[in-house]
Amino acid sequence: MIDLTVDRITTASGTQAVREVVVHPGGAAVVPVFANGDVLLVEQFRYPMQQSLLELPAGKIDPGESPEETAARELEEEVGFRAGRLEKLAAFYTTPGFCNELLHLFLARDLEPGRRAGDEDEELSVHRYSPRQLEKLIRLGKIVDAKTLIGLHLHLANPGYQCPVSETGPLK
């Protein structure tokens, strides 16, 4: 899923340094929203944290796949729905201090039942929450995944939000 590079660099001030970079192909996450405003989240055990987290459906971009294709695939695989419309919310670097992962965030509307077929090594459960429940979960610290917090905040704070990013990343 990732590679690690170790580079010896010279900073602008002339100092010699080592930079370790996790090289990641990028990913896509989806805020699946029903007509009444309810949102689907997945609950998944995350080994590094040794706990289950509530998250948006998301996954790594496969070779030759666009971020939109990844978002649509992950939505159906993880929660069993297809989007009638996918709207770009944002793109952001997840951990720019040591990783180059660019995560593309989408809003999925006009949801239709699809076929849920998660990965063999994933144990997921799907939960449906109202906007009021989501706000409470966030306030109580029950949602701690960054992509999920960003996606939910963008959606809940401004449902008509338009993405100010290019296809390749944040505007410069």
N, C-alpha and C. Protein backbone atom coordinates (compact mmCIF):
# COMPACT_ATOMS: atom_id res chain seq x y z
N MET A 1 0.81 -1.20 0.00
CA MET A 1 0.00 0.00 0.00
C MET A 1 0.85 1.26 0.00
N ILE A 2 2.02 1.20 0.63
CA ILE A 2 2.88 2.39 0.73
C ILE A 2 4.32 2.00 0.45
N ASP A 3 5.13 3.01 0.18
CA ASP A 3 6.58 2.87 0.09
C ASP A 3 7.18 3.90 1.03
N LEU A 4 8.41 3.67 1.42
CA LEU A 4 9.12 4.62 2.27
C LEU A 4 10.39 5.02 1.55
N THR A 5 10.59 6.33 1.40
CA THR A 5 11.85 6.82 0.84
C THR A 5 12.59 7.57 1.93
N VAL A 6 13.91 7.49 1.87
CA VAL A 6 14.76 8.25 2.79
C VAL A 6 15.69 9.08 1.93
N ASP A 7 15.54 10.38 2.02
CA ASP A 7 16.31 11.30 1.18
C ASP A 7 17.24 12.15 2.04
N ARG A 8 18.47 12.35 1.53
CA ARG A 8 19.39 13.31 2.15
C ARG A 8 19.24 14.60 1.35
N ILE A 9 18.94 15.67 2.06
CA ILE A 9 18.68 16.94 1.38
C ILE A 9 19.54 18.05 1.96
N THR A 10 19.57 19.15 1.23
CA THR A 10 20.18 20.38 1.72
C THR A 10 19.05 21.40 1.79
N THR A 11 18.81 21.96 2.97
CA THR A 11 17.74 22.95 3.14
C THR A 11 18.14 24.27 2.49
N ALA A 12 17.21 25.18 2.40
CA ALA A 12 17.47 26.50 1.81
C ALA A 12 18.58 27.24 2.54
N SER A 13 18.74 26.95 3.84
CA SER A 13 19.79 27.61 4.62
C SER A 13 21.13 26.88 4.53
N GLY A 14 21.18 25.78 3.76
CA GLY A 14 22.42 25.04 3.59
C GLY A 14 22.63 23.90 4.55
N THR A 15 21.70 23.66 5.44
CA THR A 15 21.83 22.58 6.41
C THR A 15 21.55 21.23 5.75
N GLN A 16 22.38 20.25 6.08
CA GLN A 16 22.16 18.88 5.60
C GLN A 16 21.12 18.22 6.50
N ALA A 17 20.18 17.46 5.90
CA ALA A 17 19.12 16.82 6.69
C ALA A 17 18.68 15.53 6.00
N VAL A 18 18.00 14.71 6.76
CA VAL A 18 17.40 13.48 6.23
C VAL A 18 15.89 13.65 6.30
N ARG A 19 15.20 13.27 5.23
CA ARG A 19 13.73 13.31 5.19
C ARG A 19 13.22 11.93 4.84
N GLU A 20 12.38 11.40 5.70
CA GLU A 20 11.72 10.12 5.44
C GLU A 20 10.31 10.45 4.97
N VAL A 21 9.93 9.87 3.83
CA VAL A 21 8.63 10.17 3.24
C VAL A 21 7.88 8.87 2.96
N VAL A 22 6.68 8.78 3.50
CA VAL A 22 5.78 7.68 3.16
C VAL A 22 5.14 8.06 1.84
N VAL A 23 5.35 7.24 0.81
CA VAL A 23 4.81 7.49 -0.52
C VAL A 23 3.51 6.70 -0.65
N HIS A 24 2.43 7.41 -0.92
CA HIS A 24 1.09 6.81 -0.95
C HIS A 24 0.42 7.17 -2.26
N PRO A 25 -0.35 6.26 -2.86
CA PRO A 25 -0.99 6.56 -4.15
C PRO A 25 -2.18 7.52 -4.06
N GLY A 26 -2.59 7.89 -2.88
CA GLY A 26 -3.75 8.75 -2.71
C GLY A 26 -4.99 7.94 -2.42
N GLY A 27 -6.03 8.62 -2.01
CA GLY A 27 -7.26 7.93 -1.66
C GLY A 27 -8.47 8.79 -1.90
N ALA A 28 -9.62 8.18 -1.66
CA ALA A 28 -10.89 8.89 -1.80
C ALA A 28 -11.80 8.48 -0.65
N ALA A 29 -12.58 9.42 -0.17
CA ALA A 29 -13.56 9.17 0.88
C ALA A 29 -14.88 9.80 0.45
N VAL A 30 -15.97 9.25 1.00
CA VAL A 30 -17.30 9.67 0.58
C VAL A 30 -18.18 9.96 1.78
N VAL A 31 -18.92 11.08 1.72
CA VAL A 31 -19.98 11.38 2.68
C VAL A 31 -21.29 10.96 2.01
N PRO A 32 -21.81 9.77 2.35
CA PRO A 32 -23.05 9.30 1.72
C PRO A 32 -24.27 9.89 2.43
N VAL A 33 -25.04 10.73 1.72
CA VAL A 33 -26.14 11.46 2.32
C VAL A 33 -27.46 11.06 1.68
N PHE A 34 -28.41 10.67 2.52
CA PHE A 34 -29.77 10.37 2.06
C PHE A 34 -30.56 11.66 1.91
N ALA A 35 -31.69 11.58 1.23
CA ALA A 35 -32.53 12.76 0.96
C ALA A 35 -32.94 13.47 2.25
N ASN A 36 -33.13 12.72 3.36
CA ASN A 36 -33.54 13.33 4.62
C ASN A 36 -32.36 13.89 5.43
N GLY A 37 -31.14 13.78 4.89
CA GLY A 37 -29.96 14.30 5.57
C GLY A 37 -29.16 13.27 6.35
N ASP A 38 -29.71 12.06 6.53
CA ASP A 38 -28.97 11.01 7.23
C ASP A 38 -27.69 10.66 6.46
N VAL A 39 -26.66 10.26 7.22
CA VAL A 39 -25.35 9.92 6.66
C VAL A 39 -24.97 8.51 7.11
N LEU A 40 -24.35 7.76 6.20
CA LEU A 40 -23.84 6.44 6.54
C LEU A 40 -22.37 6.52 6.93
N LEU A 41 -22.02 5.85 8.03
CA LEU A 41 -20.62 5.70 8.45
C LEU A 41 -20.34 4.22 8.63
N VAL A 42 -19.08 3.86 8.53
CA VAL A 42 -18.68 2.49 8.81
C VAL A 42 -17.93 2.47 10.14
N GLU A 43 -18.13 1.42 10.88
CA GLU A 43 -17.37 1.20 12.10
C GLU A 43 -16.39 0.09 11.79
N GLN A 44 -15.10 0.37 12.01
CA GLN A 44 -14.07 -0.56 11.59
C GLN A 44 -12.95 -0.61 12.63
N PHE A 45 -12.50 -1.82 12.93
CA PHE A 45 -11.37 -1.96 13.85
C PHE A 45 -10.11 -1.51 13.14
N ARG A 46 -9.38 -0.61 13.78
CA ARG A 46 -8.12 -0.11 13.23
C ARG A 46 -6.97 -0.60 14.09
N TYR A 47 -6.16 -1.47 13.52
CA TYR A 47 -5.09 -2.12 14.27
C TYR A 47 -4.12 -1.14 14.93
N PRO A 48 -3.63 -0.09 14.22
CA PRO A 48 -2.67 0.81 14.88
C PRO A 48 -3.22 1.46 16.15
N MET A 49 -4.52 1.71 16.20
CA MET A 49 -5.11 2.33 17.38
C MET A 49 -5.67 1.30 18.36
N GLN A 50 -5.75 0.05 17.93
CA GLN A 50 -6.31 -1.02 18.75
C GLN A 50 -7.72 -0.70 19.22
N GLN A 51 -8.51 -0.11 18.31
CA GLN A 51 -9.91 0.20 18.63
C GLN A 51 -10.70 0.37 17.34
N SER A 52 -12.00 0.31 17.47
CA SER A 52 -12.89 0.54 16.34
C SER A 52 -13.16 2.03 16.22
N LEU A 53 -13.18 2.50 14.97
CA LEU A 53 -13.43 3.92 14.70
C LEU A 53 -14.64 4.05 13.78
N LEU A 54 -15.38 5.13 13.95
CA LEU A 54 -16.45 5.49 13.02
C LEU A 54 -15.83 6.33 11.91
N GLU A 55 -16.03 5.92 10.65
CA GLU A 55 -15.37 6.58 9.53
C GLU A 55 -16.29 6.68 8.32
N LEU A 56 -15.94 7.57 7.44
CA LEU A 56 -16.57 7.61 6.12
C LEU A 56 -16.06 6.43 5.31
N PRO A 57 -16.84 5.92 4.38
CA PRO A 57 -16.32 4.91 3.46
C PRO A 57 -15.16 5.53 2.68
N ALA A 58 -14.06 4.80 2.58
CA ALA A 58 -12.87 5.35 1.95
C ALA A 58 -11.93 4.24 1.53
N GLY A 59 -11.01 4.59 0.65
CA GLY A 59 -10.01 3.62 0.25
C GLY A 59 -8.94 4.21 -0.63
N LYS A 60 -7.95 3.41 -0.90
CA LYS A 60 -6.79 3.77 -1.70
C LYS A 60 -7.17 3.78 -3.18
N ILE A 61 -6.60 4.73 -3.91
CA ILE A 61 -6.80 4.80 -5.35
C ILE A 61 -5.97 3.69 -6.00
N ASP A 62 -6.63 2.83 -6.77
CA ASP A 62 -5.93 1.76 -7.47
C ASP A 62 -5.30 2.30 -8.75
N PRO A 63 -4.24 1.65 -9.26
CA PRO A 63 -3.60 2.11 -10.50
C PRO A 63 -4.62 2.23 -11.64
N GLY A 64 -4.56 3.36 -12.35
CA GLY A 64 -5.45 3.59 -13.47
C GLY A 64 -6.85 4.06 -13.09
N GLU A 65 -7.09 4.24 -11.81
CA GLU A 65 -8.42 4.62 -11.32
C GLU A 65 -8.42 6.12 -10.99
N SER A 66 -9.52 6.80 -11.29
CA SER A 66 -9.66 8.20 -10.91
C SER A 66 -10.16 8.27 -9.47
N PRO A 67 -9.99 9.42 -8.81
CA PRO A 67 -10.55 9.56 -7.46
C PRO A 67 -12.06 9.31 -7.43
N GLU A 68 -12.78 9.76 -8.46
CA GLU A 68 -14.23 9.54 -8.53
C GLU A 68 -14.56 8.06 -8.60
N GLU A 69 -13.80 7.32 -9.39
CA GLU A 69 -14.01 5.87 -9.51
C GLU A 69 -13.74 5.18 -8.18
N THR A 70 -12.69 5.61 -7.49
CA THR A 70 -12.38 5.04 -6.17
C THR A 70 -13.51 5.32 -5.20
N ALA A 71 -14.00 6.55 -5.18
CA ALA A 71 -15.09 6.91 -4.27
C ALA A 71 -16.32 6.06 -4.54
N ALA A 72 -16.69 5.91 -5.80
CA ALA A 72 -17.87 5.11 -6.16
C ALA A 72 -17.67 3.64 -5.77
N ARG A 73 -16.47 3.11 -6.02
CA ARG A 73 -16.18 1.71 -5.67
C ARG A 73 -16.26 1.49 -4.17
N GLU A 74 -15.61 2.36 -3.41
CA GLU A 74 -15.60 2.20 -1.95
C GLU A 74 -16.99 2.36 -1.36
N LEU A 75 -17.79 3.27 -1.89
CA LEU A 75 -19.15 3.46 -1.41
C LEU A 75 -19.94 2.16 -1.54
N GLU A 76 -19.86 1.54 -2.69
CA GLU A 76 -20.62 0.31 -2.89
C GLU A 76 -20.03 -0.85 -2.10
N GLU A 77 -18.71 -1.00 -2.10
CA GLU A 77 -18.08 -2.10 -1.37
C GLU A 77 -18.34 -2.03 0.13
N GLU A 78 -18.22 -0.84 0.71
CA GLU A 78 -18.27 -0.73 2.16
C GLU A 78 -19.67 -0.55 2.74
N VAL A 79 -20.56 0.17 2.04
CA VAL A 79 -21.89 0.39 2.62
C VAL A 79 -23.03 -0.14 1.76
N GLY A 80 -22.71 -0.63 0.55
CA GLY A 80 -23.75 -1.25 -0.27
C GLY A 80 -24.68 -0.28 -0.97
N PHE A 81 -24.18 0.92 -1.32
CA PHE A 81 -24.99 1.89 -2.05
C PHE A 81 -24.19 2.45 -3.22
N ARG A 82 -24.92 2.87 -4.25
CA ARG A 82 -24.35 3.59 -5.39
C ARG A 82 -24.86 5.03 -5.33
N ALA A 83 -24.04 5.94 -5.84
CA ALA A 83 -24.42 7.36 -5.84
C ALA A 83 -25.00 7.74 -7.19
N GLY A 84 -26.16 8.40 -7.17
CA GLY A 84 -26.68 9.00 -8.39
C GLY A 84 -25.84 10.20 -8.78
N ARG A 85 -25.29 10.90 -7.77
CA ARG A 85 -24.42 12.06 -7.99
C ARG A 85 -23.27 12.02 -7.00
N LEU A 86 -22.06 12.27 -7.50
CA LEU A 86 -20.88 12.45 -6.66
C LEU A 86 -20.40 13.88 -6.86
N GLU A 87 -20.27 14.63 -5.76
CA GLU A 87 -19.83 16.01 -5.82
C GLU A 87 -18.54 16.15 -5.02
N LYS A 88 -17.54 16.78 -5.61
CA LYS A 88 -16.27 16.96 -4.92
C LYS A 88 -16.42 17.99 -3.80
N LEU A 89 -16.00 17.61 -2.60
CA LEU A 89 -16.02 18.53 -1.46
C LEU A 89 -14.67 19.19 -1.23
N ALA A 90 -13.60 18.39 -1.32
CA ALA A 90 -12.27 18.90 -1.00
C ALA A 90 -11.23 17.88 -1.41
N ALA A 91 -9.99 18.32 -1.39
CA ALA A 91 -8.83 17.44 -1.49
C ALA A 91 -7.82 17.99 -0.50
N PHE A 92 -7.19 17.11 0.27
CA PHE A 92 -6.26 17.59 1.29
C PHE A 92 -5.18 16.56 1.55
N TYR A 93 -4.04 17.04 2.02
CA TYR A 93 -2.94 16.16 2.41
C TYR A 93 -3.21 15.67 3.82
N THR A 94 -3.17 14.36 4.01
CA THR A 94 -3.57 13.80 5.31
C THR A 94 -2.53 14.06 6.40
N THR A 95 -1.27 13.87 6.11
CA THR A 95 -0.20 14.05 7.11
C THR A 95 1.06 14.55 6.40
N PRO A 96 1.09 15.83 5.98
CA PRO A 96 2.17 16.33 5.13
C PRO A 96 3.54 16.39 5.78
N GLY A 97 3.63 16.17 7.07
CA GLY A 97 4.94 16.16 7.72
C GLY A 97 5.78 14.96 7.33
N PHE A 98 5.15 13.85 6.92
CA PHE A 98 5.92 12.66 6.57
C PHE A 98 5.30 11.82 5.46
N CYS A 99 4.16 12.25 4.91
CA CYS A 99 3.46 11.44 3.93
C CYS A 99 2.90 12.32 2.82
N ASN A 100 2.93 11.82 1.57
CA ASN A 100 2.42 12.61 0.45
C ASN A 100 0.99 12.23 0.05
N GLU A 101 0.26 11.52 0.90
CA GLU A 101 -1.11 11.10 0.55
C GLU A 101 -2.02 12.31 0.34
N LEU A 102 -2.67 12.34 -0.82
CA LEU A 102 -3.69 13.33 -1.13
C LEU A 102 -5.03 12.60 -1.10
N LEU A 103 -5.91 13.04 -0.22
CA LEU A 103 -7.22 12.40 -0.09
C LEU A 103 -8.28 13.28 -0.75
N HIS A 104 -9.05 12.69 -1.63
CA HIS A 104 -10.13 13.37 -2.32
C HIS A 104 -11.43 13.04 -1.59
N LEU A 105 -12.18 14.07 -1.28
CA LEU A 105 -13.39 13.91 -0.48
C LEU A 105 -14.61 14.26 -1.33
N PHE A 106 -15.60 13.37 -1.33
CA PHE A 106 -16.79 13.53 -2.16
C PHE A 106 -18.05 13.45 -1.31
N LEU A 107 -19.09 14.07 -1.82
CA LEU A 107 -20.44 13.96 -1.27
C LEU A 107 -21.22 13.08 -2.23
N ALA A 108 -21.89 12.05 -1.71
CA ALA A 108 -22.70 11.16 -2.53
C ALA A 108 -24.16 11.43 -2.25
N ARG A 109 -24.91 11.73 -3.31
CA ARG A 109 -26.35 12.00 -3.19
C ARG A 109 -27.11 11.03 -4.09
N ASP A 110 -28.44 11.04 -3.93
CA ASP A 110 -29.32 10.17 -4.72
C ASP A 110 -28.85 8.71 -4.60
N LEU A 111 -28.73 8.26 -3.35
CA LEU A 111 -28.23 6.91 -3.09
C LEU A 111 -29.24 5.85 -3.52
N GLU A 112 -28.70 4.80 -4.14
CA GLU A 112 -29.49 3.66 -4.56
C GLU A 112 -28.83 2.40 -4.03
N PRO A 113 -29.61 1.39 -3.65
CA PRO A 113 -29.00 0.15 -3.17
C PRO A 113 -28.08 -0.46 -4.21
N GLY A 114 -26.95 -0.97 -3.73
CA GLY A 114 -25.97 -1.65 -4.57
C GLY A 114 -25.62 -2.98 -3.93
N ARG A 115 -24.41 -3.42 -4.18
CA ARG A 115 -23.95 -4.71 -3.65
C ARG A 115 -22.76 -4.47 -2.72
N ARG A 116 -22.93 -4.76 -1.46
CA ARG A 116 -21.85 -4.61 -0.49
C ARG A 116 -20.94 -5.82 -0.59
N ALA A 117 -19.66 -5.58 -0.78
CA ALA A 117 -18.69 -6.68 -0.94
C ALA A 117 -17.34 -6.26 -0.40
N GLY A 118 -17.27 -6.03 0.88
CA GLY A 118 -16.04 -5.54 1.50
C GLY A 118 -14.87 -6.47 1.32
N ASP A 119 -13.68 -5.97 1.61
CA ASP A 119 -12.46 -6.77 1.52
C ASP A 119 -12.47 -7.87 2.59
N GLU A 120 -11.80 -8.99 2.28
CA GLU A 120 -11.77 -10.14 3.19
C GLU A 120 -11.20 -9.80 4.56
N ASP A 121 -10.21 -8.90 4.60
CA ASP A 121 -9.55 -8.59 5.87
C ASP A 121 -10.20 -7.45 6.62
N GLU A 122 -11.33 -6.93 6.13
CA GLU A 122 -12.03 -5.83 6.80
C GLU A 122 -13.27 -6.35 7.51
N GLU A 123 -13.41 -5.95 8.74
CA GLU A 123 -14.63 -6.26 9.48
C GLU A 123 -15.33 -4.94 9.74
N LEU A 124 -16.38 -4.68 8.95
CA LEU A 124 -17.09 -3.42 9.01
C LEU A 124 -18.52 -3.62 9.45
N SER A 125 -19.06 -2.63 10.14
CA SER A 125 -20.50 -2.56 10.34
C SER A 125 -20.92 -1.16 9.89
N VAL A 126 -22.10 -1.08 9.30
CA VAL A 126 -22.60 0.17 8.73
C VAL A 126 -23.64 0.76 9.67
N HIS A 127 -23.53 2.08 9.89
CA HIS A 127 -24.46 2.78 10.78
C HIS A 127 -25.01 4.01 10.06
N ARG A 128 -26.28 4.29 10.30
CA ARG A 128 -26.93 5.46 9.70
C ARG A 128 -27.24 6.46 10.81
N TYR A 129 -26.81 7.71 10.61
CA TYR A 129 -26.97 8.74 11.62
C TYR A 129 -27.65 9.98 11.04
N SER A 130 -28.46 10.62 11.85
CA SER A 130 -29.06 11.91 11.48
C SER A 130 -28.01 12.99 11.69
N PRO A 131 -28.19 14.16 11.07
CA PRO A 131 -27.25 15.27 11.31
C PRO A 131 -27.12 15.60 12.79
N ARG A 132 -28.22 15.58 13.51
CA ARG A 132 -28.19 15.88 14.95
C ARG A 132 -27.35 14.84 15.71
N GLN A 133 -27.51 13.56 15.37
CA GLN A 133 -26.71 12.51 16.00
C GLN A 133 -25.23 12.68 15.68
N LEU A 134 -24.92 13.03 14.43
CA LEU A 134 -23.52 13.23 14.04
C LEU A 134 -22.89 14.37 14.82
N GLU A 135 -23.61 15.47 14.96
CA GLU A 135 -23.08 16.61 15.72
C GLU A 135 -22.81 16.21 17.17
N LYS A 136 -23.68 15.41 17.73
CA LYS A 136 -23.49 14.95 19.11
C LYS A 136 -22.28 14.02 19.21
N LEU A 137 -22.14 13.09 18.27
CA LEU A 137 -20.99 12.18 18.27
C LEU A 137 -19.67 12.95 18.16
N ILE A 138 -19.67 13.99 17.33
CA ILE A 138 -18.46 14.81 17.19
C ILE A 138 -18.17 15.54 18.50
N ARG A 139 -19.18 16.16 19.09
CA ARG A 139 -18.99 16.89 20.37
C ARG A 139 -18.49 15.98 21.47
N LEU A 140 -18.97 14.72 21.49
CA LEU A 140 -18.59 13.78 22.53
C LEU A 140 -17.23 13.10 22.27
N GLY A 141 -16.61 13.42 21.15
CA GLY A 141 -15.32 12.80 20.82
C GLY A 141 -15.45 11.36 20.38
N LYS A 142 -16.59 10.98 19.87
CA LYS A 142 -16.81 9.60 19.41
C LYS A 142 -16.36 9.42 17.96
N ILE A 143 -16.19 10.53 17.25
CA ILE A 143 -15.64 10.49 15.89
C ILE A 143 -14.31 11.20 15.95
N VAL A 144 -13.21 10.44 15.72
CA VAL A 144 -11.87 11.00 15.86
C VAL A 144 -11.02 10.83 14.61
N ASP A 145 -11.58 10.26 13.56
CA ASP A 145 -10.87 10.08 12.30
C ASP A 145 -10.89 11.40 11.53
N ALA A 146 -9.72 11.87 11.08
CA ALA A 146 -9.60 13.19 10.47
C ALA A 146 -10.43 13.35 9.21
N LYS A 147 -10.37 12.39 8.30
CA LYS A 147 -11.13 12.54 7.05
C LYS A 147 -12.62 12.61 7.32
N THR A 148 -13.06 11.89 8.33
CA THR A 148 -14.47 11.86 8.68
C THR A 148 -14.88 13.19 9.30
N LEU A 149 -14.07 13.71 10.19
CA LEU A 149 -14.37 15.02 10.79
C LEU A 149 -14.41 16.11 9.72
N ILE A 150 -13.44 16.09 8.81
CA ILE A 150 -13.41 17.11 7.75
C ILE A 150 -14.65 16.98 6.88
N GLY A 151 -14.96 15.77 6.43
CA GLY A 151 -16.11 15.56 5.56
C GLY A 151 -17.42 15.94 6.22
N LEU A 152 -17.59 15.54 7.47
CA LEU A 152 -18.84 15.85 8.16
C LEU A 152 -18.96 17.35 8.44
N HIS A 153 -17.87 17.98 8.84
CA HIS A 153 -17.92 19.43 9.09
C HIS A 153 -18.24 20.20 7.81
N LEU A 154 -17.61 19.83 6.71
CA LEU A 154 -17.91 20.52 5.45
C LEU A 154 -19.37 20.35 5.06
N HIS A 155 -19.87 19.14 5.21
CA HIS A 155 -21.26 18.87 4.84
C HIS A 155 -22.25 19.54 5.81
N LEU A 156 -22.04 19.35 7.09
CA LEU A 156 -23.01 19.86 8.07
C LEU A 156 -23.00 21.38 8.17
N ALA A 157 -21.81 21.99 8.04
CA ALA A 157 -21.71 23.44 8.19
C ALA A 157 -22.20 24.19 6.96
N ASN A 158 -22.07 23.58 5.80
CA ASN A 158 -22.42 24.28 4.57
C ASN A 158 -22.78 23.27 3.49
N PRO A 159 -24.01 22.77 3.48
CA PRO A 159 -24.41 21.73 2.52
C PRO A 159 -24.21 22.10 1.06
N GLY A 160 -24.11 23.38 0.73
CA GLY A 160 -23.92 23.80 -0.66
C GLY A 160 -22.48 24.08 -1.01
N TYR A 161 -21.53 23.65 -0.16
CA TYR A 161 -20.11 23.94 -0.33
C TYR A 161 -19.60 23.48 -1.70
N GLN A 162 -18.80 24.31 -2.35
CA GLN A 162 -18.17 23.96 -3.62
C GLN A 162 -16.67 23.84 -3.41
N CYS A 163 -16.08 22.84 -4.00
CA CYS A 163 -14.67 22.52 -3.79
C CYS A 163 -13.73 23.52 -4.48
N PRO A 164 -12.83 24.20 -3.73
CA PRO A 164 -11.88 25.12 -4.34
C PRO A 164 -10.55 24.43 -4.64
N VAL A 165 -10.57 23.24 -5.26
CA VAL A 165 -9.34 22.53 -5.56
C VAL A 165 -9.33 22.09 -7.01
N SER A 166 -8.14 21.89 -7.53
CA SER A 166 -8.00 21.35 -8.87
C SER A 166 -8.10 19.83 -8.77
N GLU A 167 -8.06 19.15 -9.89
CA GLU A 167 -8.12 17.69 -9.88
C GLU A 167 -6.87 17.08 -9.27
N THR A 168 -5.75 17.81 -9.27
CA THR A 168 -4.51 17.25 -8.76
C THR A 168 -4.22 17.63 -7.33
N GLY A 169 -4.99 18.53 -6.75
CA GLY A 169 -4.74 18.89 -5.37
C GLY A 169 -5.14 20.30 -5.07
N PRO A 170 -4.78 20.77 -3.87
CA PRO A 170 -5.12 22.12 -3.45
C PRO A 170 -4.55 23.17 -4.41
N LEU A 171 -5.28 24.25 -4.56
CA LEU A 171 -4.81 25.33 -5.42
C LEU A 171 -3.58 25.98 -4.81
N LYS A 172 -2.70 26.44 -5.66
CA LYS A 172 -1.47 27.06 -5.15
C LYS A 172 -1.54 28.54 -5.32
